[in-house]
Amino acid sequence: MSSAARFREAVERGDIDAVRALLAPDVVFHSPATFHPFVGRETVAALLSIVGQTVEDFRYTDELQADGAHALIFRASVAGRELEGIDLLRFDADGLIADFTVMVRPLSGLIPF
C-alpha cells in the first residue's frame, strides 16, 4: 500500500498516531490560515489533531497523482459552513510526508463571522 493510501486511511479513521508515523521528522506544513509554515513532526501532528477536532463530516472525494506529489481532494464543514479543499502531499525518499500543503475554499469557511 502506498504512503498516500496509508495516510488517507489513517485520516479517515481519525488515527492521529498513524498520521504522525507517516510524517517526516522535519515535515513542512503549509496552512491555508497562516503565512508561515509549521515545521516538525510533533508540531504538525498536534495541529492536525486540533483540526480533526474542529472539522466535521470530513471525507476524501477524489485523488490525483503526479511525479512526486499526491493530492487528496476533500469536503468537510466547520461550524456549519461547507468547505472543499486539497491536501497536497510530497514524499521523501523514505516514503514519509516531507511537505504538506492544504488549500481550502471558500475563505469564509476559515474565518468566523
Protein backbone atom coordinates (compact mmCIF):
# COMPACT_ATOMS: atom_id res chain seq x y z
CA MET A 1 0.00 0.00 0.00
CA SER A 2 1.35 3.45 -0.89
CA SER A 3 2.18 6.08 1.73
CA ALA A 4 -0.63 8.26 0.34
CA ALA A 5 -3.12 5.41 0.76
CA ARG A 6 -1.92 4.76 4.32
CA PHE A 7 -2.26 8.49 5.09
CA ARG A 8 -5.79 8.60 3.67
CA GLU A 9 -6.85 5.56 5.69
CA ALA A 10 -5.34 6.98 8.89
CA VAL A 11 -7.12 10.32 8.41
CA GLU A 12 -10.42 8.63 7.62
CA ARG A 13 -10.09 6.53 10.82
CA GLY A 14 -9.12 9.60 12.85
CA ASP A 15 -5.91 7.83 13.87
CA ILE A 16 -3.52 10.69 14.65
CA ASP A 17 -0.79 8.27 15.79
CA ALA A 18 -0.81 6.58 12.38
CA VAL A 19 -0.75 10.00 10.69
CA ARG A 20 2.20 11.07 12.90
CA ALA A 21 4.12 7.94 11.87
CA LEU A 22 3.81 8.97 8.20
CA LEU A 23 5.27 12.46 8.75
CA ALA A 24 8.97 13.07 8.15
CA PRO A 25 10.79 14.39 11.24
CA ASP A 26 11.27 17.76 9.52
CA VAL A 27 7.94 17.88 7.65
CA VAL A 28 6.82 21.33 6.49
CA PHE A 29 3.09 22.07 6.72
CA HIS A 30 1.62 24.97 4.73
CA SER A 31 -1.68 26.05 6.26
CA PRO A 32 -4.41 27.96 4.43
CA ALA A 33 -4.84 30.11 7.55
CA THR A 34 -1.28 31.33 8.17
CA PHE A 35 1.55 32.76 6.11
CA HIS A 36 4.37 30.96 7.92
CA PRO A 37 4.63 27.18 7.66
CA PHE A 38 4.63 24.80 10.61
CA VAL A 39 7.73 22.62 10.83
CA GLY A 40 8.39 19.30 12.54
CA ARG A 41 6.56 16.03 13.09
CA GLU A 42 5.24 16.78 16.59
CA THR A 43 4.14 20.33 15.72
CA VAL A 44 2.30 19.21 12.59
CA ALA A 45 0.72 16.19 14.31
CA ALA A 46 -0.57 18.44 17.12
CA LEU A 47 -2.01 20.86 14.58
CA LEU A 48 -3.69 18.06 12.64
CA SER A 49 -5.17 16.73 15.87
CA ILE A 50 -6.75 20.13 16.58
CA VAL A 51 -8.05 20.34 13.01
CA GLY A 52 -9.53 16.87 13.36
CA GLN A 53 -11.49 18.01 16.41
CA THR A 54 -12.74 21.16 14.64
CA VAL A 55 -13.74 19.84 11.22
CA GLU A 56 -17.00 17.93 10.84
CA ASP A 57 -18.11 15.42 8.21
CA PHE A 58 -14.61 15.22 6.70
CA ARG A 59 -14.36 12.95 3.69
CA TYR A 60 -11.99 12.50 0.78
CA THR A 61 -13.76 12.55 -2.56
CA ASP A 62 -11.01 12.23 -5.17
CA GLU A 63 -7.30 11.68 -5.64
CA LEU A 64 -4.77 12.96 -8.15
CA GLN A 65 -1.18 11.83 -8.53
CA ALA A 66 1.76 13.33 -10.40
CA ASP A 67 5.53 12.97 -10.21
CA GLY A 68 6.45 13.39 -6.57
CA ALA A 69 3.05 14.68 -5.43
CA HIS A 70 -0.27 13.24 -4.37
CA ALA A 71 -3.44 15.35 -3.99
CA LEU A 72 -6.33 14.20 -1.84
CA ILE A 73 -9.47 16.26 -2.51
CA PHE A 74 -11.86 16.62 0.41
CA ARG A 75 -15.15 18.06 1.58
CA ALA A 76 -15.99 18.96 5.16
CA SER A 77 -17.75 21.53 7.28
CA VAL A 78 -16.69 23.86 10.07
CA ALA A 79 -19.37 25.42 12.28
CA GLY A 80 -21.98 24.57 9.65
CA ARG A 81 -20.03 26.08 6.74
CA GLU A 82 -19.24 23.75 3.85
CA LEU A 83 -15.64 23.56 2.66
CA GLU A 84 -13.78 21.81 -0.06
CA GLY A 85 -10.07 21.55 -0.38
CA ILE A 86 -6.94 19.69 -1.26
CA ASP A 87 -4.30 18.01 0.86
CA LEU A 88 -1.21 18.17 -1.35
CA LEU A 89 1.41 15.68 -0.15
CA ARG A 90 5.03 15.40 -1.25
CA PHE A 91 7.07 12.44 -0.03
CA ASP A 92 10.74 11.97 0.79
CA ALA A 93 12.93 9.05 -0.30
CA ASP A 94 11.70 7.03 2.71
CA GLY A 95 8.03 7.45 1.73
CA LEU A 96 7.34 9.90 4.56
CA ILE A 97 5.43 13.14 4.05
CA ALA A 98 8.08 15.85 3.71
CA ASP A 99 5.85 18.69 2.50
CA PHE A 100 2.13 19.05 3.20
CA THR A 101 0.06 21.90 1.77
CA VAL A 102 -3.63 22.41 2.47
CA MET A 103 -5.74 24.57 0.16
CA VAL A 104 -9.34 25.37 1.12
CA ARG A 105 -12.25 27.22 -0.40
CA PRO A 106 -14.20 29.29 0.33
CA LEU A 107 -12.19 31.60 2.55
CA SER A 108 -15.29 32.27 4.64
CA GLY A 109 -15.12 28.66 5.84
CA LEU A 110 -11.96 29.51 7.77
CA ILE A 111 -12.99 32.91 9.12
CA PRO A 112 -15.64 33.10 11.85
CA PHE A 113 -18.32 35.73 11.32
